[in-house]
């Protein structure tokens, strides 16, 4: 259990620098902060959260009920940003003369260098519409969804995080769990969809096992196998993606 707790905390720390600034800020405020209400909010409550998190009995109880993916979110209760900012401001107030401006600039630089730009993540895309998601997801979902009922569709990796945000009427046989390596989820259909060459003789029969109405594949990816012999037909090409439909599953289009 200790190994699990430590591993989750290490993953939460990232580079570790932000957590380091947070712990230093806690120590500084513990020594200097006199306001009782602020001590409760910024010191006592976060420390209680940390004690609970590293308590093996508490961890065993919560982990057994919800698993590690939920347990590590306890750390979200730590007001890291607030404590670091408040600690830096308190130090800034104590410094006299031009040194305070140097400290302010140094603090900002240290925070910037402590992390990485979140917009480099593959889960972020430049906004193309009011929904702040790739336009291809919007267009494809609008083309295949049926009012008043759900449809099942197989999407490529780059669309998994967005389909569920756009509409609840388009379901998928696998989703965001495939993008998180630590979950260790395996799915042969996902593996086939992410292969260098798309073998439709493998993908389409697997899609049928999930009663999938549609299979969406990138137009620029090489394909092998027969479409119609596997019970699917060409439906449409939208924004660089080819959509195949299983006509044997009635959806009311």
Protein backbone atom coordinates (compact mmCIF):
# COMPACT_ATOMS: atom_id res chain seq x y z
CA UNK A 1 0.00 0.00 0.00
CA UNK A 2 2.87 2.37 0.78
CA UNK A 3 4.31 1.78 -2.68
CA UNK A 4 0.98 2.63 -4.30
CA UNK A 5 0.63 5.82 -2.23
CA UNK A 6 4.17 6.93 -3.03
CA UNK A 7 3.81 6.11 -6.75
CA UNK A 8 0.60 8.13 -7.05
CA UNK A 9 2.14 11.07 -5.20
CA UNK A 10 5.22 10.97 -7.41
CA UNK A 11 3.01 11.01 -10.50
CA UNK A 12 1.07 13.95 -9.07
CA UNK A 13 4.29 15.90 -8.39
CA UNK A 14 5.32 16.04 -12.05
CA UNK A 15 8.76 17.68 -12.10
CA UNK A 16 8.51 18.07 -8.33
CA UNK A 17 9.43 21.75 -8.27
CA UNK A 18 5.93 23.11 -7.72
CA UNK A 19 5.41 20.70 -4.82
CA UNK A 20 8.76 21.83 -3.47
CA UNK A 21 7.72 25.50 -3.56
CA UNK A 22 4.46 24.52 -1.90
CA UNK A 23 6.16 22.72 0.98
CA UNK A 24 8.59 25.61 1.46
CA UNK A 25 5.65 28.02 1.50
CA UNK A 26 3.91 25.87 4.12
CA UNK A 27 6.98 25.98 6.35
CA UNK A 28 7.38 29.74 5.92
CA UNK A 29 3.72 30.47 6.66
CA UNK A 30 3.74 28.08 9.62
CA UNK A 31 6.48 30.24 11.16
CA UNK A 32 5.27 33.71 10.16
CA UNK A 33 1.47 33.63 9.71
CA UNK A 34 -0.36 34.89 12.81
CA UNK A 35 -3.93 35.18 11.56
CA UNK A 36 -5.82 32.18 12.99
CA UNK A 37 -8.37 31.94 10.18
CA UNK A 38 -5.70 31.94 7.50
CA UNK A 39 -3.71 29.32 9.38
CA UNK A 40 -6.76 27.05 9.46
CA UNK A 41 -7.47 27.54 5.75
CA UNK A 42 -3.92 27.47 4.38
CA UNK A 43 -2.06 25.30 6.90
CA UNK A 44 -4.16 23.07 9.13
CA UNK A 45 -6.67 21.82 6.55
CA UNK A 46 -4.04 21.01 3.85
CA UNK A 47 -1.86 19.24 6.41
CA UNK A 48 -4.88 17.20 7.51
CA UNK A 49 -5.44 16.23 3.86
CA UNK A 50 -1.80 15.14 3.52
CA UNK A 51 -1.96 13.11 6.73
CA UNK A 52 -5.10 11.35 5.50
CA UNK A 53 -3.59 10.72 2.09
CA UNK A 54 -0.47 9.07 3.53
CA UNK A 55 -2.45 7.11 6.12
CA UNK A 56 -2.34 3.43 5.01
CA UNK A 57 -5.63 2.58 6.73
CA UNK A 58 -7.44 5.47 5.04
CA UNK A 59 -5.77 4.62 1.72
CA UNK A 60 -6.78 0.96 1.94
CA UNK A 61 -10.40 1.93 2.65
CA UNK A 62 -10.74 4.48 -0.16
CA UNK A 63 -8.57 2.61 -2.67
CA UNK A 64 -10.64 -0.53 -2.16
CA UNK A 65 -13.82 1.41 -2.94
CA UNK A 66 -12.79 3.63 -5.87
CA UNK A 67 -9.30 2.57 -7.06
CA UNK A 68 -6.15 4.59 -7.64
CA UNK A 69 -7.59 6.80 -10.38
CA UNK A 70 -9.93 8.40 -7.84
CA UNK A 71 -7.67 8.14 -4.78
CA UNK A 72 -4.96 10.41 -6.17
CA UNK A 73 -7.57 13.15 -6.70
CA UNK A 74 -7.57 13.69 -2.95
CA UNK A 75 -4.42 15.70 -3.66
CA UNK A 76 -6.52 18.14 -5.68
CA UNK A 77 -7.79 19.42 -2.34
CA UNK A 78 -4.37 20.93 -1.61
CA UNK A 79 -4.51 24.71 -2.32
CA UNK A 80 -1.03 24.75 -3.85
CA UNK A 81 -1.48 27.78 -6.07
CA UNK A 82 -3.05 29.86 -3.29
CA UNK A 83 -0.41 28.93 -0.69
CA UNK A 84 2.53 29.56 -3.04
CA UNK A 85 1.10 32.90 -4.18
CA UNK A 86 0.23 34.00 -0.65
CA UNK A 87 3.64 32.98 0.69
CA UNK A 88 5.40 34.88 -2.10
CA UNK A 89 3.29 37.99 -1.44
CA UNK A 90 4.09 37.88 2.28
CA UNK A 91 7.82 37.68 1.52
CA UNK A 92 7.42 40.47 -1.05
CA UNK A 93 5.84 42.70 1.61
CA UNK A 94 8.82 42.23 3.93
CA UNK A 95 11.46 43.17 1.36
CA UNK A 96 12.44 46.81 1.10
CA UNK A 97 13.57 48.86 -1.89
CA UNK A 98 14.26 47.56 -5.37
CA UNK A 99 14.98 44.08 -4.08
CA UNK A 100 11.24 43.41 -3.93
CA UNK A 101 10.92 43.85 -7.70
CA UNK A 102 13.77 41.44 -8.28
CA UNK A 103 12.10 38.93 -5.94
CA UNK A 104 8.78 39.31 -7.76
CA UNK A 105 10.42 38.65 -11.14
CA UNK A 106 12.43 35.73 -9.73
CA UNK A 107 9.30 34.17 -8.20
CA UNK A 108 7.41 34.37 -11.49
CA UNK A 109 10.33 32.83 -13.40
CA UNK A 110 10.68 29.98 -10.88
CA UNK A 111 7.00 29.11 -11.18
CA UNK A 112 7.19 29.16 -14.98
CA UNK A 113 10.29 26.97 -15.03
CA UNK A 114 8.74 24.53 -12.55
CA UNK A 115 6.25 23.11 -15.02
CA UNK A 116 5.59 22.59 -18.69
CA UNK A 117 3.20 24.24 -21.11
CA UNK A 118 -0.12 22.39 -20.92
CA UNK A 119 -0.94 23.38 -24.50
CA UNK A 120 1.76 21.01 -25.79
CA UNK A 121 -0.47 18.11 -24.71
CA UNK A 122 -2.13 16.19 -27.58
CA UNK A 123 -5.43 16.71 -25.76
CA UNK A 124 -5.35 20.44 -26.57
CA UNK A 125 -6.19 21.86 -29.98
CA UNK A 126 -6.49 25.36 -31.31
CA UNK A 127 -10.15 26.37 -31.07
CA UNK A 128 -11.93 25.87 -34.39
CA UNK A 129 -15.48 26.52 -33.21
CA UNK A 130 -17.60 27.53 -30.20
CA UNK A 131 -17.24 24.03 -28.78
CA UNK A 132 -13.42 24.35 -28.57
CA UNK A 133 -12.85 20.99 -30.23
CA UNK A 134 -11.77 19.80 -33.69
CA UNK A 135 -14.34 20.69 -36.32
CA UNK A 136 -14.09 17.16 -37.74
CA UNK A 137 -15.57 15.76 -34.51
CA UNK A 138 -18.52 18.15 -34.72
CA UNK A 139 -19.18 17.45 -38.40
CA UNK A 140 -18.91 13.67 -38.08
CA UNK A 141 -21.10 13.46 -34.99
CA UNK A 142 -23.72 15.67 -36.64
CA UNK A 143 -23.69 13.39 -39.68
CA UNK A 144 -24.11 10.09 -37.83
CA UNK A 145 -26.21 10.88 -34.77
CA UNK A 146 -29.93 10.19 -34.74
CA UNK A 147 -32.30 12.34 -32.72
CA UNK A 148 -33.87 10.51 -29.80
CA UNK A 149 -31.54 7.50 -29.70
CA UNK A 150 -27.91 6.49 -29.28
CA UNK A 151 -25.57 5.22 -31.97
CA UNK A 152 -22.33 3.29 -31.48
CA UNK A 153 -19.30 4.46 -33.45
CA UNK A 154 -15.62 3.50 -33.51
CA UNK A 155 -13.35 6.55 -33.60
CA UNK A 156 -9.58 6.94 -34.01
CA UNK A 157 -7.42 7.92 -31.04
CA UNK A 158 -7.30 11.66 -31.70
CA UNK A 159 -11.08 12.01 -31.38
CA UNK A 160 -11.74 9.99 -28.22
CA UNK A 161 -11.52 12.90 -25.77
CA UNK A 162 -13.89 15.09 -27.76
CA UNK A 163 -16.81 12.90 -28.85
CA UNK A 164 -18.09 12.42 -25.31
CA UNK A 165 -17.85 16.17 -24.71
CA UNK A 166 -19.86 17.06 -27.78
CA UNK A 167 -22.84 14.70 -27.59
CA UNK A 168 -24.15 11.91 -25.34
CA UNK A 169 -25.95 10.35 -28.31
CA UNK A 170 -22.76 9.01 -29.93
CA UNK A 171 -21.29 6.17 -27.86
CA UNK A 172 -17.94 4.42 -28.30
CA UNK A 173 -16.76 0.85 -27.54
CA UNK A 174 -13.67 2.36 -25.89
CA UNK A 175 -12.86 5.85 -24.76
CA UNK A 176 -10.44 8.06 -22.85
CA UNK A 177 -9.24 5.14 -20.74
CA UNK A 178 -7.17 4.00 -23.73
CA UNK A 179 -5.15 7.22 -23.60
CA UNK A 180 -3.94 6.77 -19.99
CA UNK A 181 -1.05 4.32 -19.87
CA UNK A 182 -1.15 3.79 -16.12
CA UNK A 183 -4.68 2.35 -16.36
CA UNK A 184 -3.26 -0.56 -18.35
CA UNK A 185 -6.50 -1.08 -20.32
CA UNK A 186 -6.23 -3.28 -23.41
CA UNK A 187 -8.66 -3.48 -26.30
CA UNK A 188 -7.94 -5.39 -29.54
CA UNK A 189 -10.23 -3.09 -31.55
CA UNK A 190 -8.33 -0.01 -30.36
CA UNK A 191 -5.01 -1.68 -31.20
CA UNK A 192 -6.26 -2.50 -34.69
CA UNK A 193 -7.48 1.07 -35.20
CA UNK A 194 -4.08 2.49 -34.20
CA UNK A 195 -1.99 0.15 -36.36
CA UNK A 196 0.19 1.64 -39.12
CA UNK A 197 -1.93 -0.17 -41.72
CA UNK A 198 -5.65 -0.54 -41.04
CA UNK A 199 -6.68 -4.16 -41.61
CA UNK A 200 -10.42 -3.87 -42.20
CA UNK A 201 -10.75 -7.66 -42.06
CA UNK A 202 -9.81 -7.31 -38.38
CA UNK A 203 -11.39 -3.95 -37.50
CA UNK A 204 -14.88 -4.46 -38.94
CA UNK A 205 -15.60 -7.90 -37.39
CA UNK A 206 -14.42 -6.55 -34.02
CA UNK A 207 -16.64 -3.50 -34.47
CA UNK A 208 -19.60 -5.81 -35.05
CA UNK A 209 -19.00 -7.50 -31.70
CA UNK A 210 -19.77 -4.12 -30.08
CA UNK A 211 -22.85 -3.61 -32.31
CA UNK A 212 -21.15 -0.58 -33.85
CA UNK A 213 -23.20 1.32 -36.38
CA UNK A 214 -20.21 3.25 -37.77
CA UNK A 215 -16.45 2.97 -38.08
CA UNK A 216 -14.48 6.18 -38.71
CA UNK A 217 -10.92 5.96 -40.05
CA UNK A 218 -8.44 8.58 -41.30
CA UNK A 219 -8.59 8.96 -45.08
CA UNK A 220 -4.80 9.20 -45.38
CA UNK A 221 -4.10 5.87 -43.63
CA UNK A 222 -3.41 2.79 -45.72
CA UNK A 223 -6.15 0.17 -45.58
CA UNK A 224 -6.28 -3.51 -46.44
CA UNK A 225 -9.18 -5.96 -46.46
CA UNK A 226 -12.71 -5.94 -47.83
CA UNK A 227 -15.39 -3.56 -46.60
CA UNK A 228 -18.61 -5.02 -48.03
CA UNK A 229 -17.61 -8.62 -47.38
CA UNK A 230 -17.40 -7.72 -43.70
CA UNK A 231 -20.94 -6.34 -43.71
CA UNK A 232 -20.16 -2.61 -43.95
CA UNK A 233 -20.75 -0.05 -46.68
CA UNK A 234 -19.27 3.35 -47.49
CA UNK A 235 -21.28 6.11 -45.78
CA UNK A 236 -19.42 9.39 -46.33
CA UNK A 237 -16.07 11.18 -46.24
CA UNK A 238 -15.94 14.18 -43.90
CA UNK A 239 -12.98 16.43 -43.06
CA UNK A 240 -10.41 13.82 -44.06
CA UNK A 241 -12.12 10.85 -42.38
CA UNK A 242 -13.92 7.96 -44.10
CA UNK A 243 -17.10 6.70 -42.44
CA UNK A 244 -18.28 3.12 -42.91
CA UNK A 245 -21.74 1.98 -41.81
CA UNK A 246 -23.13 -1.41 -40.84
CA UNK A 247 -26.56 -1.39 -42.61
CA UNK A 248 -27.69 -4.51 -40.76
CA UNK A 249 -28.07 -2.45 -37.55
CA UNK A 250 -31.12 -0.22 -37.95
CA UNK A 251 -30.69 3.28 -36.56
CA UNK A 252 -33.40 5.21 -38.39
CA UNK A 253 -31.26 7.40 -40.62
